[in-house]
């Protein structure tokens, strides 16, 4: 049994995490939200799970590092500077960062990378994601995770290959690009499809999230796995042994 602390406890994911932690037989070490100091929670926890905001990430990583408490970072909307902060923290504690804690999405990313590698540039790649109307970032962290998987399969940088949305007269589709489309509406927990399109045939790999509980369960699995790991930066595929 582990003592798991929740950063972002009052949000949708925070509530789902509380249920998942107790269902897995662990102890809830406590929770904090916007404006709260993460330091006391870090000291009281065996491992932290952060689903708060990118603005709070630096303070949360500092608290985890000071307390020598491993942390799962599931916060989305991260920029390059946030990844620098994570890399720095990972020199001192175990940090697992992911755009999606679902075990199903983790396996999907593995399949996307494999397909992109084996099919090659003759197949166009388009990633379509749908989320609830309240989501504030686009493309979703999961869509970017899948884009990174596709880019890795092709041995290119996503920043060079990505096309985020199209409008107006865009011209013909450049070979080798990876397209993104974001849909928002209703209460959709998260749907993602990666389309591979070639002349006269298509292959689509999809994951449909029916409830946030799947992300909470995956986050708890990640927290369990992270306990006892050495200081380093980890990813969800390592939780599944991929």
Protein backbone atom coordinates (compact mmCIF):
# COMPACT_ATOMS: atom_id res chain seq x y z
CA UNK A 1 0.00 0.00 0.00
CA UNK A 2 1.32 3.43 -0.98
CA UNK A 3 0.42 6.92 0.13
CA UNK A 4 -0.51 8.78 -3.06
CA UNK A 5 -0.94 12.56 -3.12
CA UNK A 6 -3.07 14.32 -5.74
CA UNK A 7 -2.12 17.71 -7.19
CA UNK A 8 -5.22 19.12 -8.84
CA UNK A 9 -7.58 17.29 -6.50
CA UNK A 10 -10.69 19.41 -7.14
CA UNK A 11 -10.74 18.90 -10.90
CA UNK A 12 -12.48 16.15 -12.85
CA UNK A 13 -9.37 14.02 -12.89
CA UNK A 14 -8.72 14.69 -9.22
CA UNK A 15 -12.05 13.19 -8.23
CA UNK A 16 -11.52 10.19 -10.52
CA UNK A 17 -8.04 9.68 -9.07
CA UNK A 18 -9.31 9.61 -5.51
CA UNK A 19 -11.69 6.77 -6.36
CA UNK A 20 -9.01 4.88 -8.29
CA UNK A 21 -6.46 5.19 -5.49
CA UNK A 22 -8.85 3.76 -2.90
CA UNK A 23 -10.10 1.05 -5.28
CA UNK A 24 -6.51 -0.10 -5.81
CA UNK A 25 -6.04 -0.49 -2.06
CA UNK A 26 -3.78 2.52 -1.57
CA UNK A 27 -4.02 5.39 0.89
CA UNK A 28 -4.91 8.92 -0.18
CA UNK A 29 -2.16 11.10 1.28
CA UNK A 30 -4.18 14.23 0.57
CA UNK A 31 -4.85 16.67 -2.22
CA UNK A 32 -4.14 20.26 -3.15
CA UNK A 33 -5.42 22.62 -5.79
CA UNK A 34 -4.74 26.05 -7.29
CA UNK A 35 -2.96 28.35 -4.87
CA UNK A 36 -1.98 25.60 -2.42
CA UNK A 37 1.59 24.82 -1.44
CA UNK A 38 2.67 21.40 -2.72
CA UNK A 39 5.52 21.03 -0.21
CA UNK A 40 3.54 19.57 2.74
CA UNK A 41 1.75 17.11 0.43
CA UNK A 42 5.05 16.01 -1.11
CA UNK A 43 6.44 15.29 2.35
CA UNK A 44 3.35 13.28 3.32
CA UNK A 45 3.28 11.18 0.14
CA UNK A 46 5.18 8.18 -1.18
CA UNK A 47 4.40 9.34 -4.72
CA UNK A 48 2.59 12.32 -6.27
CA UNK A 49 0.23 12.48 -9.24
CA UNK A 50 -0.09 15.90 -10.90
CA UNK A 51 -3.08 16.76 -13.07
CA UNK A 52 -3.13 20.48 -12.29
CA UNK A 53 -1.90 23.13 -14.74
CA UNK A 54 1.26 23.89 -16.65
CA UNK A 55 1.54 27.19 -14.73
CA UNK A 56 1.94 25.27 -11.46
CA UNK A 57 4.36 22.65 -12.77
CA UNK A 58 7.60 24.35 -11.73
CA UNK A 59 6.48 24.77 -8.10
CA UNK A 60 5.18 21.20 -8.01
CA UNK A 61 8.44 19.78 -9.34
CA UNK A 62 10.42 21.88 -6.86
CA UNK A 63 8.32 20.51 -3.97
CA UNK A 64 8.68 16.92 -5.16
CA UNK A 65 12.44 17.33 -5.60
CA UNK A 66 12.91 18.89 -2.17
CA UNK A 67 10.97 16.02 -0.55
CA UNK A 68 12.62 13.38 -2.77
CA UNK A 69 9.15 12.17 -3.76
CA UNK A 70 8.61 10.62 -7.21
CA UNK A 71 5.95 12.29 -9.34
CA UNK A 72 3.67 11.35 -12.23
CA UNK A 73 3.03 14.40 -14.44
CA UNK A 74 -0.17 14.05 -16.45
CA UNK A 75 -0.68 17.78 -16.97
CA UNK A 76 -1.17 18.73 -20.63
CA UNK A 77 -0.48 21.95 -22.52
CA UNK A 78 3.26 21.72 -21.78
CA UNK A 79 5.77 23.81 -23.71
CA UNK A 80 9.49 23.39 -24.30
CA UNK A 81 10.42 25.17 -21.07
CA UNK A 82 8.23 22.77 -19.07
CA UNK A 83 10.08 19.80 -20.52
CA UNK A 84 13.36 21.47 -19.53
CA UNK A 85 12.04 21.70 -15.95
CA UNK A 86 11.04 18.02 -16.01
CA UNK A 87 14.46 17.00 -17.31
CA UNK A 88 16.10 18.98 -14.53
CA UNK A 89 13.90 17.41 -11.82
CA UNK A 90 14.55 13.96 -13.24
CA UNK A 91 18.22 14.32 -12.35
CA UNK A 92 17.16 14.13 -8.69
CA UNK A 93 13.91 12.13 -8.52
CA UNK A 94 11.90 9.66 -10.60
CA UNK A 95 9.54 11.55 -12.92
CA UNK A 96 7.05 9.96 -15.30
CA UNK A 97 5.57 12.47 -17.76
CA UNK A 98 2.89 11.61 -20.27
CA UNK A 99 0.18 13.26 -22.31
CA UNK A 100 -2.16 10.37 -21.52
CA UNK A 101 -2.15 7.81 -18.69
CA UNK A 102 -4.50 5.35 -20.41
CA UNK A 103 -2.92 1.94 -20.88
CA UNK A 104 -4.91 1.57 -24.10
CA UNK A 105 -3.53 4.83 -25.51
CA UNK A 106 -0.04 3.76 -24.50
CA UNK A 107 -0.40 0.60 -26.58
CA UNK A 108 -1.99 2.63 -29.42
CA UNK A 109 1.07 4.89 -29.57
CA UNK A 110 3.26 1.79 -29.86
CA UNK A 111 1.16 0.53 -32.78
CA UNK A 112 1.20 3.97 -34.46
CA UNK A 113 4.98 4.11 -34.31
CA UNK A 114 5.25 0.62 -35.77
CA UNK A 115 2.77 1.40 -38.58
CA UNK A 116 4.48 4.68 -39.47
CA UNK A 117 7.83 2.92 -39.64
CA UNK A 118 6.66 0.03 -41.79
CA UNK A 119 4.28 1.87 -44.14
CA UNK A 120 6.60 4.76 -44.99
CA UNK A 121 5.91 8.14 -46.60
CA UNK A 122 3.65 6.70 -49.30
CA UNK A 123 1.00 6.75 -46.56
CA UNK A 124 -0.27 10.12 -45.34
CA UNK A 125 -0.86 10.47 -41.60
CA UNK A 126 -3.73 12.49 -40.12
CA UNK A 127 -4.61 12.59 -36.41
CA UNK A 128 -8.14 13.53 -35.36
CA UNK A 129 -9.09 14.14 -31.72
CA UNK A 130 -12.41 15.00 -30.07
CA UNK A 131 -12.86 16.34 -26.53
CA UNK A 132 -15.48 17.98 -24.33
CA UNK A 133 -16.33 21.64 -24.77
CA UNK A 134 -14.42 22.67 -21.62
CA UNK A 135 -10.96 21.53 -22.79
CA UNK A 136 -8.66 24.52 -23.10
CA UNK A 137 -5.70 23.22 -25.17
CA UNK A 138 -5.47 21.92 -28.73
CA UNK A 139 -4.23 19.63 -30.11
CA UNK A 140 -4.68 17.46 -27.05
CA UNK A 141 -1.68 16.09 -25.22
CA UNK A 142 -2.68 12.64 -26.44
CA UNK A 143 -2.84 13.76 -30.07
CA UNK A 144 0.66 15.19 -29.73
CA UNK A 145 1.83 11.97 -28.06
CA UNK A 146 0.50 10.01 -31.04
CA UNK A 147 2.10 12.50 -33.41
CA UNK A 148 5.43 12.02 -31.68
CA UNK A 149 5.01 8.26 -32.05
CA UNK A 150 4.33 8.63 -35.79
CA UNK A 151 7.29 10.97 -36.21
CA UNK A 152 9.56 8.58 -34.31
CA UNK A 153 8.46 5.76 -36.59
CA UNK A 154 9.54 7.85 -39.57
CA UNK A 155 12.68 9.08 -37.82
CA UNK A 156 11.75 12.76 -38.21
CA UNK A 157 11.06 15.61 -35.78
CA UNK A 158 7.36 16.27 -35.19
CA UNK A 159 8.05 20.01 -34.99
CA UNK A 160 9.18 19.87 -38.63
CA UNK A 161 6.45 17.55 -39.91
CA UNK A 162 3.33 18.74 -38.06
CA UNK A 163 0.49 20.62 -39.74
CA UNK A 164 -1.96 21.91 -37.13
CA UNK A 165 -5.26 22.64 -38.80
CA UNK A 166 -5.97 23.94 -42.30
CA UNK A 167 -7.94 26.93 -43.50
CA UNK A 168 -8.37 28.61 -46.86
CA UNK A 169 -6.43 27.69 -49.96
CA UNK A 170 -3.69 25.54 -48.51
CA UNK A 171 -2.42 23.86 -51.65
CA UNK A 172 -1.66 20.19 -52.09
CA UNK A 173 -0.68 18.16 -49.06
CA UNK A 174 3.13 18.07 -48.68
CA UNK A 175 4.59 14.56 -48.59
CA UNK A 176 5.68 13.38 -45.17
CA UNK A 177 3.61 15.80 -43.09
CA UNK A 178 1.58 14.72 -40.05
CA UNK A 179 -1.76 16.50 -39.83
CA UNK A 180 -3.82 17.36 -36.75
CA UNK A 181 -7.51 18.19 -36.43
CA UNK A 182 -9.22 19.08 -33.13
CA UNK A 183 -12.96 18.83 -32.48
CA UNK A 184 -14.64 20.23 -29.33
CA UNK A 185 -18.14 19.68 -28.00
CA UNK A 186 -20.40 17.96 -25.53
CA UNK A 187 -18.94 15.86 -22.77
CA UNK A 188 -16.58 13.62 -24.78
CA UNK A 189 -13.87 12.27 -22.47
CA UNK A 190 -11.43 11.82 -25.36
CA UNK A 191 -11.52 10.13 -28.77
CA UNK A 192 -8.40 9.76 -30.92
CA UNK A 193 -7.94 8.27 -34.38
CA UNK A 194 -4.75 8.07 -36.41
CA UNK A 195 -5.50 7.68 -40.11
CA UNK A 196 -2.93 6.21 -42.50
CA UNK A 197 -4.07 7.00 -46.04
CA UNK A 198 -2.54 5.68 -49.27
CA UNK A 199 -3.79 5.36 -52.83
CA UNK A 200 -6.98 3.27 -52.75
CA UNK A 201 -6.65 2.09 -49.13
CA UNK A 202 -6.81 3.41 -45.57
CA UNK A 203 -5.81 2.12 -42.15
CA UNK A 204 -7.25 3.74 -39.01
CA UNK A 205 -6.14 3.08 -35.44
CA UNK A 206 -8.48 4.42 -32.75
CA UNK A 207 -8.97 4.73 -29.02
CA UNK A 208 -12.27 5.89 -27.51
CA UNK A 209 -12.36 6.96 -23.86
CA UNK A 210 -15.79 6.42 -22.33
CA UNK A 211 -14.97 7.67 -18.84
CA UNK A 212 -12.13 9.51 -17.08
CA UNK A 213 -11.78 6.50 -14.79
CA UNK A 214 -9.52 4.87 -17.39
CA UNK A 215 -7.00 7.70 -17.07
CA UNK A 216 -7.18 7.56 -13.29
CA UNK A 217 -6.56 3.80 -13.24
CA UNK A 218 -3.62 4.22 -15.58
CA UNK A 219 -2.18 7.02 -13.44
CA UNK A 220 -2.36 4.80 -10.36
CA UNK A 221 -0.60 2.01 -12.28
CA UNK A 222 2.08 4.52 -13.27
CA UNK A 223 2.45 5.69 -9.66
CA UNK A 224 2.79 2.09 -8.44
CA UNK A 225 5.46 1.40 -11.05
CA UNK A 226 7.36 4.62 -10.31
CA UNK A 227 7.86 3.72 -6.65
CA UNK A 228 11.38 2.47 -6.14
CA UNK A 229 12.65 3.62 -9.53
CA UNK A 230 15.92 5.51 -9.70
CA UNK A 231 16.05 9.21 -10.50
CA UNK A 232 15.33 9.54 -14.23
CA UNK A 233 12.62 10.57 -16.66
CA UNK A 234 10.21 7.77 -17.54
CA UNK A 235 7.27 7.23 -19.92
CA UNK A 236 4.08 5.15 -19.93
CA UNK A 237 5.42 2.52 -22.36
CA UNK A 238 7.92 1.51 -19.69
CA UNK A 239 5.00 0.79 -17.34
CA UNK A 240 3.75 -1.76 -19.91
CA UNK A 241 7.25 -3.05 -20.62
CA UNK A 242 7.20 -1.81 -24.22
